Amino acid sequence: MEEFRPRLLEAAAKLSLDLSVGQQDKLLEYLALFARWNAAYNLSAIRDPQQMLERHIIDSLSVVNLCGHDTDPLIDVGSGGGLPGIPLAIVHPERRITLLDSNGKKTRFLFQVASTLPLPNVQVVNERVEEFEPAQKFAGVVSRAFASIEDMVRGSEHLLTRTGRFYAMKGKLPEDELSALPKGIKVERVHPLSVPGCDADRHLIVLCRDA
């Protein structure tokens, strides 16, 4: 995956991310593992490593500094192949990040990534989000692949501290989903994302409890 390093560095520069050589190495090793496991584990419909870099890793890097303080514990619900949780954990090694997914094959892949890179700040949990009861609640819940914002909030609100935030990665701004938010939840901020190499609309929607 060494041939993808220049593109990774170019995208990081556009996102104002200063990646160390070690972080670059881990992101490229993650890409290699993703590509290798994808054939058997169906982590993504995308099969081309170049497209995986663009549409998964660079897309995830666009939010690494927008999901709360970089020392606050965060949970990536419906993490799938580890997006955006793995890139977040690589860029912020001091941040405790939990990757939650109900699919056993995908969590086996995540265990492999966390042990191979290695990522000591990552915990992998194979459970349904509604049934997971953490010992300590999280300052943030992030998701890139949840069906709807309403489902994300209803399914994972019990995981958040009282002052915690939801971080929903979306494409086009989903006005219909935002109008269906559960009572007591409000939009705190919407970040339009400029993802290098992506012309499509991308947004990060930050939600909090209504005081």
N, C-alpha and C. Protein backbone atom coordinates (compact mmCIF):
# COMPACT_ATOMS: atom_id res chain seq x y z
N MET A 1 0.82 -1.22 0.00
CA MET A 1 0.00 0.00 0.00
C MET A 1 0.85 1.27 0.00
N GLU A 2 2.17 1.08 -0.10
CA GLU A 2 3.07 2.23 -0.06
C GLU A 2 2.76 3.24 -1.17
N GLU A 3 2.25 2.75 -2.30
CA GLU A 3 1.97 3.66 -3.41
C GLU A 3 0.88 4.68 -3.09
N PHE A 4 0.11 4.43 -2.02
CA PHE A 4 -0.97 5.34 -1.66
C PHE A 4 -0.54 6.42 -0.65
N ARG A 5 0.72 6.35 -0.18
CA ARG A 5 1.17 7.33 0.81
C ARG A 5 1.09 8.77 0.30
N PRO A 6 1.55 9.07 -0.94
CA PRO A 6 1.46 10.47 -1.41
C PRO A 6 0.02 11.00 -1.40
N ARG A 7 -0.92 10.17 -1.82
CA ARG A 7 -2.32 10.61 -1.84
C ARG A 7 -2.84 10.84 -0.41
N LEU A 8 -2.47 9.96 0.51
CA LEU A 8 -2.87 10.12 1.90
C LEU A 8 -2.33 11.43 2.47
N LEU A 9 -1.06 11.71 2.20
CA LEU A 9 -0.45 12.95 2.70
C LEU A 9 -1.06 14.19 2.07
N GLU A 10 -1.38 14.10 0.78
CA GLU A 10 -2.01 15.23 0.09
C GLU A 10 -3.38 15.53 0.72
N ALA A 11 -4.17 14.49 0.96
CA ALA A 11 -5.50 14.68 1.57
C ALA A 11 -5.38 15.20 2.99
N ALA A 12 -4.42 14.66 3.76
CA ALA A 12 -4.23 15.10 5.15
C ALA A 12 -3.88 16.58 5.20
N ALA A 13 -3.03 17.03 4.27
CA ALA A 13 -2.65 18.44 4.23
C ALA A 13 -3.87 19.33 3.96
N LYS A 14 -4.73 18.89 3.05
CA LYS A 14 -5.95 19.66 2.76
C LYS A 14 -6.89 19.70 3.95
N LEU A 15 -6.82 18.68 4.81
CA LEU A 15 -7.66 18.62 6.01
C LEU A 15 -6.96 19.22 7.23
N SER A 16 -5.78 19.81 7.00
CA SER A 16 -4.97 20.41 8.08
C SER A 16 -4.61 19.39 9.15
N LEU A 17 -4.33 18.16 8.72
CA LEU A 17 -3.89 17.09 9.63
C LEU A 17 -2.40 16.85 9.42
N ASP A 18 -1.65 16.89 10.51
CA ASP A 18 -0.22 16.63 10.45
C ASP A 18 0.01 15.20 10.94
N LEU A 19 0.02 14.27 10.02
CA LEU A 19 0.18 12.85 10.37
C LEU A 19 1.64 12.50 10.53
N SER A 20 1.99 11.88 11.66
CA SER A 20 3.35 11.39 11.83
C SER A 20 3.58 10.22 10.88
N VAL A 21 4.84 9.85 10.70
CA VAL A 21 5.16 8.70 9.85
C VAL A 21 4.49 7.44 10.42
N GLY A 22 4.51 7.31 11.74
CA GLY A 22 3.87 6.16 12.38
C GLY A 22 2.38 6.10 12.12
N GLN A 23 1.72 7.27 12.15
CA GLN A 23 0.27 7.31 11.87
C GLN A 23 0.00 6.99 10.40
N GLN A 24 0.83 7.50 9.51
CA GLN A 24 0.70 7.16 8.09
C GLN A 24 0.82 5.65 7.90
N ASP A 25 1.84 5.07 8.55
CA ASP A 25 2.08 3.63 8.42
C ASP A 25 0.86 2.84 8.89
N LYS A 26 0.28 3.26 10.02
CA LYS A 26 -0.86 2.53 10.56
C LYS A 26 -2.09 2.66 9.66
N LEU A 27 -2.31 3.85 9.10
CA LEU A 27 -3.45 4.03 8.20
C LEU A 27 -3.30 3.17 6.95
N LEU A 28 -2.07 3.09 6.43
CA LEU A 28 -1.83 2.27 5.23
C LEU A 28 -1.90 0.78 5.55
N GLU A 29 -1.47 0.41 6.75
CA GLU A 29 -1.58 -0.99 7.15
C GLU A 29 -3.05 -1.37 7.35
N TYR A 30 -3.81 -0.43 7.91
CA TYR A 30 -5.26 -0.64 8.04
C TYR A 30 -5.90 -0.82 6.67
N LEU A 31 -5.52 0.00 5.71
CA LEU A 31 -6.04 -0.12 4.35
C LEU A 31 -5.70 -1.50 3.77
N ALA A 32 -4.48 -1.97 4.00
CA ALA A 32 -4.07 -3.28 3.49
C ALA A 32 -4.90 -4.40 4.12
N LEU A 33 -5.12 -4.32 5.44
CA LEU A 33 -5.94 -5.32 6.12
C LEU A 33 -7.38 -5.28 5.62
N PHE A 34 -7.89 -4.07 5.44
CA PHE A 34 -9.27 -3.89 4.97
C PHE A 34 -9.44 -4.55 3.60
N ALA A 35 -8.50 -4.27 2.71
CA ALA A 35 -8.57 -4.83 1.36
C ALA A 35 -8.47 -6.35 1.38
N ARG A 36 -7.60 -6.88 2.26
CA ARG A 36 -7.37 -8.32 2.33
C ARG A 36 -8.58 -9.06 2.90
N TRP A 37 -9.16 -8.50 3.93
CA TRP A 37 -10.29 -9.17 4.61
C TRP A 37 -11.62 -8.93 3.89
N ASN A 38 -11.67 -7.92 3.06
CA ASN A 38 -12.95 -7.53 2.47
C ASN A 38 -13.54 -8.63 1.60
N ALA A 39 -12.71 -9.35 0.89
CA ALA A 39 -13.21 -10.40 -0.01
C ALA A 39 -14.00 -11.46 0.75
N ALA A 40 -13.51 -11.84 1.92
CA ALA A 40 -14.16 -12.91 2.69
C ALA A 40 -15.22 -12.39 3.65
N TYR A 41 -15.01 -11.18 4.17
CA TYR A 41 -15.88 -10.69 5.25
C TYR A 41 -16.89 -9.64 4.78
N ASN A 42 -16.81 -9.24 3.51
CA ASN A 42 -17.78 -8.30 2.94
C ASN A 42 -17.91 -7.04 3.80
N LEU A 43 -16.79 -6.42 4.10
CA LEU A 43 -16.78 -5.21 4.92
C LEU A 43 -17.34 -4.02 4.16
N SER A 44 -17.19 -4.05 2.84
CA SER A 44 -17.60 -2.92 2.01
C SER A 44 -17.88 -3.41 0.60
N ALA A 45 -18.80 -2.73 -0.09
CA ALA A 45 -19.07 -3.07 -1.49
C ALA A 45 -17.93 -2.60 -2.39
N ILE A 46 -17.11 -1.70 -1.88
CA ILE A 46 -15.97 -1.18 -2.65
C ILE A 46 -14.84 -2.21 -2.61
N ARG A 47 -14.31 -2.57 -3.76
CA ARG A 47 -13.28 -3.59 -3.85
C ARG A 47 -11.90 -3.03 -4.18
N ASP A 48 -11.85 -1.85 -4.74
CA ASP A 48 -10.59 -1.25 -5.18
C ASP A 48 -9.93 -0.51 -4.02
N PRO A 49 -8.67 -0.85 -3.64
CA PRO A 49 -8.01 -0.19 -2.52
C PRO A 49 -7.91 1.33 -2.67
N GLN A 50 -7.72 1.81 -3.90
CA GLN A 50 -7.67 3.27 -4.11
C GLN A 50 -8.99 3.91 -3.70
N GLN A 51 -10.11 3.28 -4.08
CA GLN A 51 -11.42 3.80 -3.70
C GLN A 51 -11.66 3.65 -2.20
N MET A 52 -11.14 2.57 -1.61
CA MET A 52 -11.26 2.41 -0.15
C MET A 52 -10.56 3.56 0.57
N LEU A 53 -9.38 3.91 0.07
CA LEU A 53 -8.65 5.03 0.67
C LEU A 53 -9.47 6.31 0.58
N GLU A 54 -10.00 6.59 -0.62
CA GLU A 54 -10.72 7.84 -0.84
C GLU A 54 -12.05 7.88 -0.06
N ARG A 55 -12.84 6.83 -0.24
CA ARG A 55 -14.23 6.89 0.22
C ARG A 55 -14.42 6.42 1.65
N HIS A 56 -13.43 5.74 2.20
CA HIS A 56 -13.54 5.29 3.59
C HIS A 56 -12.56 6.02 4.51
N ILE A 57 -11.27 5.91 4.22
CA ILE A 57 -10.28 6.45 5.16
C ILE A 57 -10.21 7.97 5.11
N ILE A 58 -10.10 8.56 3.93
CA ILE A 58 -10.03 10.02 3.83
C ILE A 58 -11.35 10.64 4.30
N ASP A 59 -12.46 10.00 3.96
CA ASP A 59 -13.77 10.48 4.43
C ASP A 59 -13.80 10.50 5.96
N SER A 60 -13.29 9.45 6.60
CA SER A 60 -13.27 9.39 8.06
C SER A 60 -12.32 10.43 8.65
N LEU A 61 -11.19 10.66 7.98
CA LEU A 61 -10.24 11.65 8.48
C LEU A 61 -10.84 13.06 8.49
N SER A 62 -11.86 13.29 7.68
CA SER A 62 -12.47 14.63 7.63
C SER A 62 -13.17 15.02 8.92
N VAL A 63 -13.44 14.04 9.81
CA VAL A 63 -14.15 14.37 11.06
C VAL A 63 -13.31 14.14 12.31
N VAL A 64 -12.04 13.75 12.17
CA VAL A 64 -11.29 13.34 13.36
C VAL A 64 -11.12 14.44 14.38
N ASN A 65 -11.16 15.71 13.96
CA ASN A 65 -11.02 16.80 14.92
C ASN A 65 -12.35 17.53 15.18
N LEU A 66 -13.45 16.89 14.82
CA LEU A 66 -14.76 17.51 15.00
C LEU A 66 -15.66 16.75 15.97
N CYS A 67 -15.14 15.63 16.52
CA CYS A 67 -15.96 14.76 17.38
C CYS A 67 -15.62 14.93 18.85
N GLY A 68 -15.66 16.18 19.32
CA GLY A 68 -15.41 16.44 20.73
C GLY A 68 -13.93 16.51 21.05
N HIS A 69 -13.64 16.65 22.35
CA HIS A 69 -12.25 16.78 22.80
C HIS A 69 -11.51 15.47 22.58
N ASP A 70 -10.24 15.58 22.20
CA ASP A 70 -9.52 14.38 21.80
C ASP A 70 -9.07 13.49 22.96
N THR A 71 -9.52 13.80 24.18
CA THR A 71 -9.29 12.87 25.29
C THR A 71 -10.61 12.29 25.83
N ASP A 72 -11.74 12.73 25.27
CA ASP A 72 -13.05 12.23 25.73
C ASP A 72 -13.32 10.84 25.15
N PRO A 73 -13.77 9.89 25.97
CA PRO A 73 -14.10 8.56 25.45
C PRO A 73 -15.24 8.62 24.43
N LEU A 74 -15.09 7.86 23.36
CA LEU A 74 -16.01 7.91 22.24
C LEU A 74 -16.39 6.49 21.84
N ILE A 75 -17.63 6.29 21.42
CA ILE A 75 -18.04 4.99 20.90
C ILE A 75 -18.54 5.15 19.47
N ASP A 76 -18.05 4.27 18.61
CA ASP A 76 -18.45 4.22 17.20
C ASP A 76 -19.49 3.11 17.08
N VAL A 77 -20.76 3.49 16.92
CA VAL A 77 -21.83 2.49 16.89
C VAL A 77 -22.09 2.05 15.45
N GLY A 78 -22.28 0.73 15.27
CA GLY A 78 -22.40 0.19 13.92
C GLY A 78 -21.11 0.40 13.17
N SER A 79 -19.99 0.11 13.83
CA SER A 79 -18.67 0.46 13.31
C SER A 79 -18.33 -0.26 12.01
N GLY A 80 -18.89 -1.47 11.80
CA GLY A 80 -18.63 -2.19 10.56
C GLY A 80 -17.16 -2.54 10.42
N GLY A 81 -16.53 -1.97 9.40
CA GLY A 81 -15.10 -2.20 9.17
C GLY A 81 -14.20 -1.26 9.95
N GLY A 82 -14.79 -0.49 10.90
CA GLY A 82 -13.99 0.39 11.74
C GLY A 82 -13.97 1.84 11.31
N LEU A 83 -15.05 2.28 10.67
CA LEU A 83 -15.11 3.64 10.14
C LEU A 83 -16.24 4.43 10.80
N PRO A 84 -15.92 5.57 11.40
CA PRO A 84 -14.63 6.27 11.39
C PRO A 84 -13.71 5.93 12.58
N GLY A 85 -14.09 4.94 13.39
CA GLY A 85 -13.41 4.71 14.66
C GLY A 85 -11.92 4.42 14.56
N ILE A 86 -11.50 3.57 13.59
CA ILE A 86 -10.08 3.22 13.49
C ILE A 86 -9.23 4.45 13.11
N PRO A 87 -9.59 5.21 12.06
CA PRO A 87 -8.81 6.43 11.79
C PRO A 87 -8.78 7.40 12.97
N LEU A 88 -9.91 7.53 13.69
CA LEU A 88 -9.94 8.39 14.88
C LEU A 88 -8.93 7.90 15.91
N ALA A 89 -8.89 6.60 16.13
CA ALA A 89 -7.99 6.03 17.14
C ALA A 89 -6.53 6.18 16.74
N ILE A 90 -6.25 6.13 15.45
CA ILE A 90 -4.87 6.28 14.97
C ILE A 90 -4.41 7.73 15.14
N VAL A 91 -5.26 8.67 14.79
CA VAL A 91 -4.89 10.09 14.86
C VAL A 91 -4.82 10.57 16.31
N HIS A 92 -5.69 10.01 17.17
CA HIS A 92 -5.71 10.42 18.59
C HIS A 92 -5.45 9.20 19.48
N PRO A 93 -4.19 8.76 19.58
CA PRO A 93 -3.89 7.53 20.32
C PRO A 93 -4.16 7.63 21.82
N GLU A 94 -4.33 8.85 22.33
CA GLU A 94 -4.63 9.03 23.75
C GLU A 94 -6.14 8.95 24.03
N ARG A 95 -6.93 8.82 23.00
CA ARG A 95 -8.39 8.80 23.16
C ARG A 95 -8.90 7.36 23.22
N ARG A 96 -9.72 7.08 24.25
CA ARG A 96 -10.29 5.74 24.36
C ARG A 96 -11.47 5.62 23.41
N ILE A 97 -11.39 4.68 22.49
CA ILE A 97 -12.43 4.52 21.47
C ILE A 97 -12.95 3.09 21.48
N THR A 98 -14.27 2.97 21.57
CA THR A 98 -14.93 1.66 21.54
C THR A 98 -15.60 1.49 20.19
N LEU A 99 -15.37 0.33 19.57
CA LEU A 99 -15.99 0.00 18.29
C LEU A 99 -17.06 -1.04 18.55
N LEU A 100 -18.30 -0.71 18.27
CA LEU A 100 -19.44 -1.58 18.58
C LEU A 100 -20.10 -2.04 17.29
N ASP A 101 -20.26 -3.35 17.15
CA ASP A 101 -21.00 -3.88 16.00
C ASP A 101 -21.60 -5.22 16.39
N SER A 102 -22.77 -5.51 15.87
CA SER A 102 -23.45 -6.77 16.19
C SER A 102 -23.03 -7.91 15.28
N ASN A 103 -22.29 -7.59 14.21
CA ASN A 103 -21.86 -8.60 13.24
C ASN A 103 -20.54 -9.24 13.69
N GLY A 104 -20.57 -10.54 13.99
CA GLY A 104 -19.39 -11.22 14.51
C GLY A 104 -18.21 -11.22 13.57
N LYS A 105 -18.46 -11.37 12.27
CA LYS A 105 -17.37 -11.36 11.29
C LYS A 105 -16.66 -10.01 11.31
N LYS A 106 -17.45 -8.94 11.36
CA LYS A 106 -16.85 -7.60 11.33
C LYS A 106 -16.08 -7.31 12.61
N THR A 107 -16.61 -7.76 13.76
CA THR A 107 -15.86 -7.50 14.99
C THR A 107 -14.59 -8.36 15.05
N ARG A 108 -14.59 -9.53 14.43
CA ARG A 108 -13.35 -10.31 14.36
C ARG A 108 -12.29 -9.55 13.56
N PHE A 109 -12.72 -8.92 12.49
CA PHE A 109 -11.80 -8.07 11.73
C PHE A 109 -11.27 -6.91 12.58
N LEU A 110 -12.17 -6.28 13.33
CA LEU A 110 -11.76 -5.14 14.16
C LEU A 110 -10.77 -5.57 15.25
N PHE A 111 -10.99 -6.73 15.87
CA PHE A 111 -10.03 -7.28 16.83
C PHE A 111 -8.66 -7.45 16.16
N GLN A 112 -8.67 -7.97 14.94
CA GLN A 112 -7.43 -8.19 14.21
C GLN A 112 -6.70 -6.88 13.96
N VAL A 113 -7.42 -5.87 13.54
CA VAL A 113 -6.81 -4.55 13.29
C VAL A 113 -6.21 -3.99 14.58
N ALA A 114 -7.00 -4.02 15.66
CA ALA A 114 -6.55 -3.43 16.93
C ALA A 114 -5.31 -4.13 17.47
N SER A 115 -5.20 -5.44 17.25
CA SER A 115 -4.04 -6.17 17.75
C SER A 115 -2.84 -6.09 16.81
N THR A 116 -3.09 -5.99 15.49
CA THR A 116 -2.00 -5.99 14.51
C THR A 116 -1.30 -4.64 14.45
N LEU A 117 -2.04 -3.53 14.53
CA LEU A 117 -1.41 -2.23 14.27
C LEU A 117 -0.33 -1.82 15.28
N PRO A 118 -0.37 -1.96 16.58
CA PRO A 118 -1.53 -2.21 17.41
C PRO A 118 -2.18 -0.89 17.84
N LEU A 119 -3.41 -1.00 18.39
CA LEU A 119 -4.14 0.17 18.87
C LEU A 119 -4.62 -0.11 20.30
N PRO A 120 -3.78 0.15 21.30
CA PRO A 120 -4.15 -0.16 22.68
C PRO A 120 -5.31 0.69 23.21
N ASN A 121 -5.62 1.79 22.53
CA ASN A 121 -6.73 2.64 22.97
C ASN A 121 -8.09 2.18 22.43
N VAL A 122 -8.11 1.07 21.68
CA VAL A 122 -9.34 0.59 21.07
C VAL A 122 -9.89 -0.62 21.81
N GLN A 123 -11.20 -0.58 22.07
CA GLN A 123 -11.93 -1.73 22.60
C GLN A 123 -12.97 -2.13 21.56
N VAL A 124 -13.09 -3.42 21.31
CA VAL A 124 -14.06 -3.92 20.34
C VAL A 124 -15.16 -4.67 21.08
N VAL A 125 -16.42 -4.36 20.76
CA VAL A 125 -17.56 -5.00 21.42
C VAL A 125 -18.50 -5.57 20.36
N ASN A 126 -18.79 -6.87 20.48
CA ASN A 126 -19.72 -7.55 19.57
C ASN A 126 -21.07 -7.70 20.28
N GLU A 127 -21.90 -6.65 20.14
CA GLU A 127 -23.23 -6.65 20.75
C GLU A 127 -24.14 -5.74 19.95
N ARG A 128 -25.44 -5.94 20.13
CA ARG A 128 -26.40 -4.98 19.58
C ARG A 128 -26.33 -3.70 20.42
N VAL A 129 -26.43 -2.55 19.75
CA VAL A 129 -26.26 -1.28 20.46
C VAL A 129 -27.29 -1.14 21.58
N GLU A 130 -28.52 -1.61 21.35
CA GLU A 130 -29.58 -1.46 22.35
C GLU A 130 -29.29 -2.27 23.62
N GLU A 131 -28.49 -3.33 23.48
CA GLU A 131 -28.25 -4.23 24.60
C GLU A 131 -26.92 -3.97 25.31
N PHE A 132 -26.08 -3.12 24.75
CA PHE A 132 -24.77 -2.87 25.35
C PHE A 132 -24.90 -1.96 26.55
N GLU A 133 -24.37 -2.41 27.69
CA GLU A 133 -24.40 -1.61 28.92
C GLU A 133 -22.95 -1.38 29.37
N PRO A 134 -22.36 -0.25 29.00
CA PRO A 134 -20.96 -0.01 29.34
C PRO A 134 -20.78 0.28 30.83
N ALA A 135 -19.60 -0.04 31.34
CA ALA A 135 -19.29 0.25 32.74
C ALA A 135 -19.28 1.76 32.97
N GLN A 136 -18.82 2.49 31.95
CA GLN A 136 -18.82 3.96 32.01
C GLN A 136 -19.43 4.50 30.73
N LYS A 137 -20.21 5.55 30.88
CA LYS A 137 -20.84 6.14 29.70
C LYS A 137 -19.81 6.95 28.91
N PHE A 138 -20.20 7.32 27.68
CA PHE A 138 -19.29 7.97 26.75
C PHE A 138 -19.62 9.45 26.58
N ALA A 139 -18.58 10.24 26.29
CA ALA A 139 -18.79 11.66 26.01
C ALA A 139 -19.34 11.88 24.61
N GLY A 140 -19.14 10.88 23.74
CA GLY A 140 -19.61 11.02 22.37
C GLY A 140 -20.00 9.69 21.76
N VAL A 141 -21.03 9.73 20.91
CA VAL A 141 -21.43 8.59 20.09
C VAL A 141 -21.29 9.04 18.64
N VAL A 142 -20.48 8.32 17.86
CA VAL A 142 -20.31 8.67 16.45
C VAL A 142 -20.82 7.52 15.60
N SER A 143 -21.38 7.85 14.45
CA SER A 143 -21.81 6.80 13.52
C SER A 143 -21.73 7.30 12.10
N ARG A 144 -21.30 6.39 11.23
CA ARG A 144 -21.18 6.72 9.81
C ARG A 144 -22.19 5.93 8.98
N ALA A 145 -22.76 4.89 9.56
CA ALA A 145 -23.57 3.99 8.73
C ALA A 145 -24.94 3.68 9.31
N PHE A 146 -25.36 4.39 10.34
CA PHE A 146 -26.67 4.09 10.92
C PHE A 146 -27.79 4.47 9.95
N ALA A 147 -28.89 3.73 10.00
CA ALA A 147 -29.98 3.92 9.04
C ALA A 147 -30.51 5.35 9.07
N SER A 148 -30.83 5.84 10.25
CA SER A 148 -31.35 7.21 10.37
C SER A 148 -30.85 7.82 11.67
N ILE A 149 -30.87 9.15 11.72
CA ILE A 149 -30.45 9.84 12.94
C ILE A 149 -31.37 9.50 14.09
N GLU A 150 -32.67 9.40 13.81
CA GLU A 150 -33.62 9.04 14.86
C GLU A 150 -33.29 7.67 15.46
N ASP A 151 -33.00 6.69 14.60
CA ASP A 151 -32.63 5.35 15.08
C ASP A 151 -31.34 5.40 15.89
N MET A 152 -30.38 6.19 15.42
CA MET A 152 -29.10 6.33 16.13
C MET A 152 -29.33 6.86 17.53
N VAL A 153 -30.14 7.91 17.64
CA VAL A 153 -30.38 8.53 18.95
C VAL A 153 -31.14 7.59 19.87
N ARG A 154 -32.23 7.02 19.36
CA ARG A 154 -33.05 6.14 20.20
C ARG A 154 -32.27 4.90 20.64
N GLY A 155 -31.44 4.37 19.74
CA GLY A 155 -30.72 3.14 20.04
C GLY A 155 -29.54 3.33 20.98
N SER A 156 -28.95 4.53 20.97
CA SER A 156 -27.69 4.69 21.70
C SER A 156 -27.69 5.80 22.75
N GLU A 157 -28.83 6.41 23.02
CA GLU A 157 -28.84 7.51 24.00
C GLU A 157 -28.40 7.03 25.39
N HIS A 158 -28.68 5.77 25.70
CA HIS A 158 -28.30 5.24 27.03
C HIS A 158 -26.78 5.12 27.20
N LEU A 159 -26.03 5.26 26.11
CA LEU A 159 -24.58 5.15 26.18
C LEU A 159 -23.90 6.48 26.51
N LEU A 160 -24.65 7.57 26.44
CA LEU A 160 -24.09 8.91 26.58
C LEU A 160 -24.15 9.44 28.00
N THR A 161 -23.11 10.21 28.37
CA THR A 161 -23.18 10.99 29.60
C THR A 161 -24.26 12.07 29.43
N ARG A 162 -24.62 12.70 30.53
CA ARG A 162 -25.70 13.71 30.48
C ARG A 162 -25.37 14.84 29.51
N THR A 163 -24.08 15.21 29.44
CA THR A 163 -23.67 16.31 28.57
C THR A 163 -23.03 15.82 27.27
N GLY A 164 -23.22 14.54 26.96
CA GLY A 164 -22.59 13.96 25.78
C GLY A 164 -23.18 14.44 24.47
N ARG A 165 -22.52 14.10 23.38
CA ARG A 165 -22.93 14.53 22.04
C ARG A 165 -23.04 13.33 21.10
N PHE A 166 -23.97 13.45 20.17
CA PHE A 166 -24.06 12.51 19.04
C PHE A 166 -23.37 13.16 17.85
N TYR A 167 -22.60 12.37 17.10
CA TYR A 167 -21.93 12.86 15.88
C TYR A 167 -22.35 11.95 14.73
N ALA A 168 -23.24 12.45 13.89
CA ALA A 168 -23.78 11.65 12.79
C ALA A 168 -23.16 12.09 11.47
N MET A 169 -22.45 11.16 10.81
CA MET A 169 -21.88 11.44 9.50
C MET A 169 -22.92 11.14 8.43
N LYS A 170 -23.20 12.13 7.62
CA LYS A 170 -24.23 12.01 6.60
C LYS A 170 -23.74 12.58 5.28
N GLY A 171 -24.44 12.23 4.20
CA GLY A 171 -24.15 12.81 2.90
C GLY A 171 -24.90 14.12 2.77
N LYS A 172 -25.91 14.13 1.93
CA LYS A 172 -26.78 15.30 1.78
C LYS A 172 -27.48 15.57 3.10
N LEU A 173 -27.65 16.84 3.46
CA LEU A 173 -28.26 17.20 4.74
C LEU A 173 -29.67 16.61 4.82
N PRO A 174 -29.93 15.70 5.76
CA PRO A 174 -31.22 15.00 5.81
C PRO A 174 -32.28 15.76 6.59
N GLU A 175 -32.89 16.75 5.94
CA GLU A 175 -33.87 17.61 6.62
C GLU A 175 -35.01 16.80 7.24
N ASP A 176 -35.45 15.74 6.53
CA ASP A 176 -36.56 14.93 7.04
C ASP A 176 -36.17 14.21 8.32
N GLU A 177 -34.93 13.72 8.39
CA GLU A 177 -34.47 13.04 9.60
C GLU A 177 -34.35 14.01 10.77
N LEU A 178 -33.89 15.22 10.48
CA LEU A 178 -33.72 16.20 11.55
C LEU A 178 -35.06 16.68 12.10
N SER A 179 -36.07 16.66 11.25
CA SER A 179 -37.40 17.08 11.71
C SER A 179 -38.07 15.99 12.54
N ALA A 180 -37.50 14.77 12.52
CA ALA A 180 -38.08 13.64 13.27
C ALA A 180 -37.27 13.29 14.51
N LEU A 181 -36.46 14.21 14.98
CA LEU A 181 -35.64 13.94 16.16
C LEU A 181 -36.51 13.66 17.39
N PRO A 182 -36.09 12.73 18.24
CA PRO A 182 -36.84 12.45 19.46
C PRO A 182 -36.92 13.70 20.35
N LYS A 183 -37.96 13.77 21.14
CA LYS A 183 -38.15 14.89 22.06
C LYS A 183 -36.96 14.98 23.01
N GLY A 184 -36.51 16.20 23.25
CA GLY A 184 -35.40 16.41 24.16
C GLY A 184 -34.03 16.40 23.50
N ILE A 185 -34.00 16.16 22.18
CA ILE A 185 -32.74 16.16 21.43
C ILE A 185 -32.78 17.30 20.41
N LYS A 186 -31.68 18.04 20.34
CA LYS A 186 -31.64 19.16 19.38
C LYS A 186 -30.34 19.14 18.58
N VAL A 187 -30.38 19.82 17.45
CA VAL A 187 -29.17 19.98 16.63
C VAL A 187 -28.35 21.11 17.24
N GLU A 188 -27.12 20.77 17.61
CA GLU A 188 -26.23 21.80 18.16
C GLU A 188 -25.45 22.50 17.05
N ARG A 189 -25.02 21.69 16.07
CA ARG A 189 -24.21 22.27 15.00
C ARG A 189 -24.21 21.34 13.80
N VAL A 190 -24.10 21.94 12.62
CA VAL A 190 -23.93 21.16 11.39
C VAL A 190 -22.62 21.60 10.74
N HIS A 191 -21.72 20.63 10.54
CA HIS A 191 -20.45 20.91 9.87
C HIS A 191 -20.53 20.45 8.42
N PRO A 192 -20.58 21.36 7.44
CA PRO A 192 -20.42 20.91 6.05
C PRO A 192 -18.96 20.44 5.88
N LEU A 193 -18.77 19.25 5.35
CA LEU A 193 -17.43 18.69 5.23
C LEU A 193 -16.89 18.87 3.82
N SER A 194 -15.64 19.27 3.75
CA SER A 194 -14.95 19.34 2.47
C SER A 194 -13.98 18.17 2.44
N VAL A 195 -14.39 17.09 1.79
CA VAL A 195 -13.58 15.87 1.77
C VAL A 195 -12.76 15.85 0.48
N PRO A 196 -11.43 15.87 0.60
CA PRO A 196 -10.59 15.86 -0.61
C PRO A 196 -10.93 14.70 -1.53
N GLY A 197 -11.15 15.03 -2.80
CA GLY A 197 -11.44 14.00 -3.80
C GLY A 197 -12.90 13.59 -3.88
N CYS A 198 -13.75 14.20 -3.04
CA CYS A 198 -15.18 13.85 -3.04
C CYS A 198 -16.01 15.06 -3.42
N ASP A 199 -16.78 14.94 -4.50
CA ASP A 199 -17.62 16.05 -4.94
C ASP A 199 -19.00 16.00 -4.31
N ALA A 200 -19.37 14.87 -3.73
CA ALA A 200 -20.70 14.74 -3.15
C ALA A 200 -20.81 15.51 -1.84
N ASP A 201 -22.04 15.85 -1.46
CA ASP A 201 -22.28 16.52 -0.19
C ASP A 201 -21.92 15.60 0.97
N ARG A 202 -21.22 16.14 1.96
CA ARG A 202 -20.92 15.41 3.19
C ARG A 202 -21.13 16.35 4.37
N HIS A 203 -21.74 15.85 5.42
CA HIS A 203 -22.02 16.66 6.61
C HIS A 203 -21.76 15.86 7.87
N LEU A 204 -21.35 16.56 8.93
CA LEU A 204 -21.30 15.98 10.27
C LEU A 204 -22.32 16.76 11.11
N ILE A 205 -23.30 16.03 11.63
CA ILE A 205 -24.37 16.67 12.41
C ILE A 205 -24.12 16.37 13.88
N VAL A 206 -24.02 17.43 14.68
CA VAL A 206 -23.77 17.29 16.11
C VAL A 206 -25.08 17.54 16.86
N LEU A 207 -25.46 16.58 17.68
CA LEU A 207 -26.71 16.65 18.43
C LEU A 207 -26.42 16.59 19.93
N CYS A 208 -27.27 17.25 20.70
CA CYS A 208 -27.12 17.19 22.15
C CYS A 208 -28.50 17.19 22.79
N ARG A 209 -28.54 16.93 24.08
CA ARG A 209 -29.80 16.99 24.80
C ARG A 209 -30.22 18.44 24.99
N ASP A 210 -31.49 18.69 24.92
CA ASP A 210 -32.04 20.04 25.10
C ASP A 210 -32.15 20.33 26.59
N ALA A 211 -31.31 21.27 27.04
CA ALA A 211 -31.29 21.59 28.47
C ALA A 211 -32.62 22.17 28.93
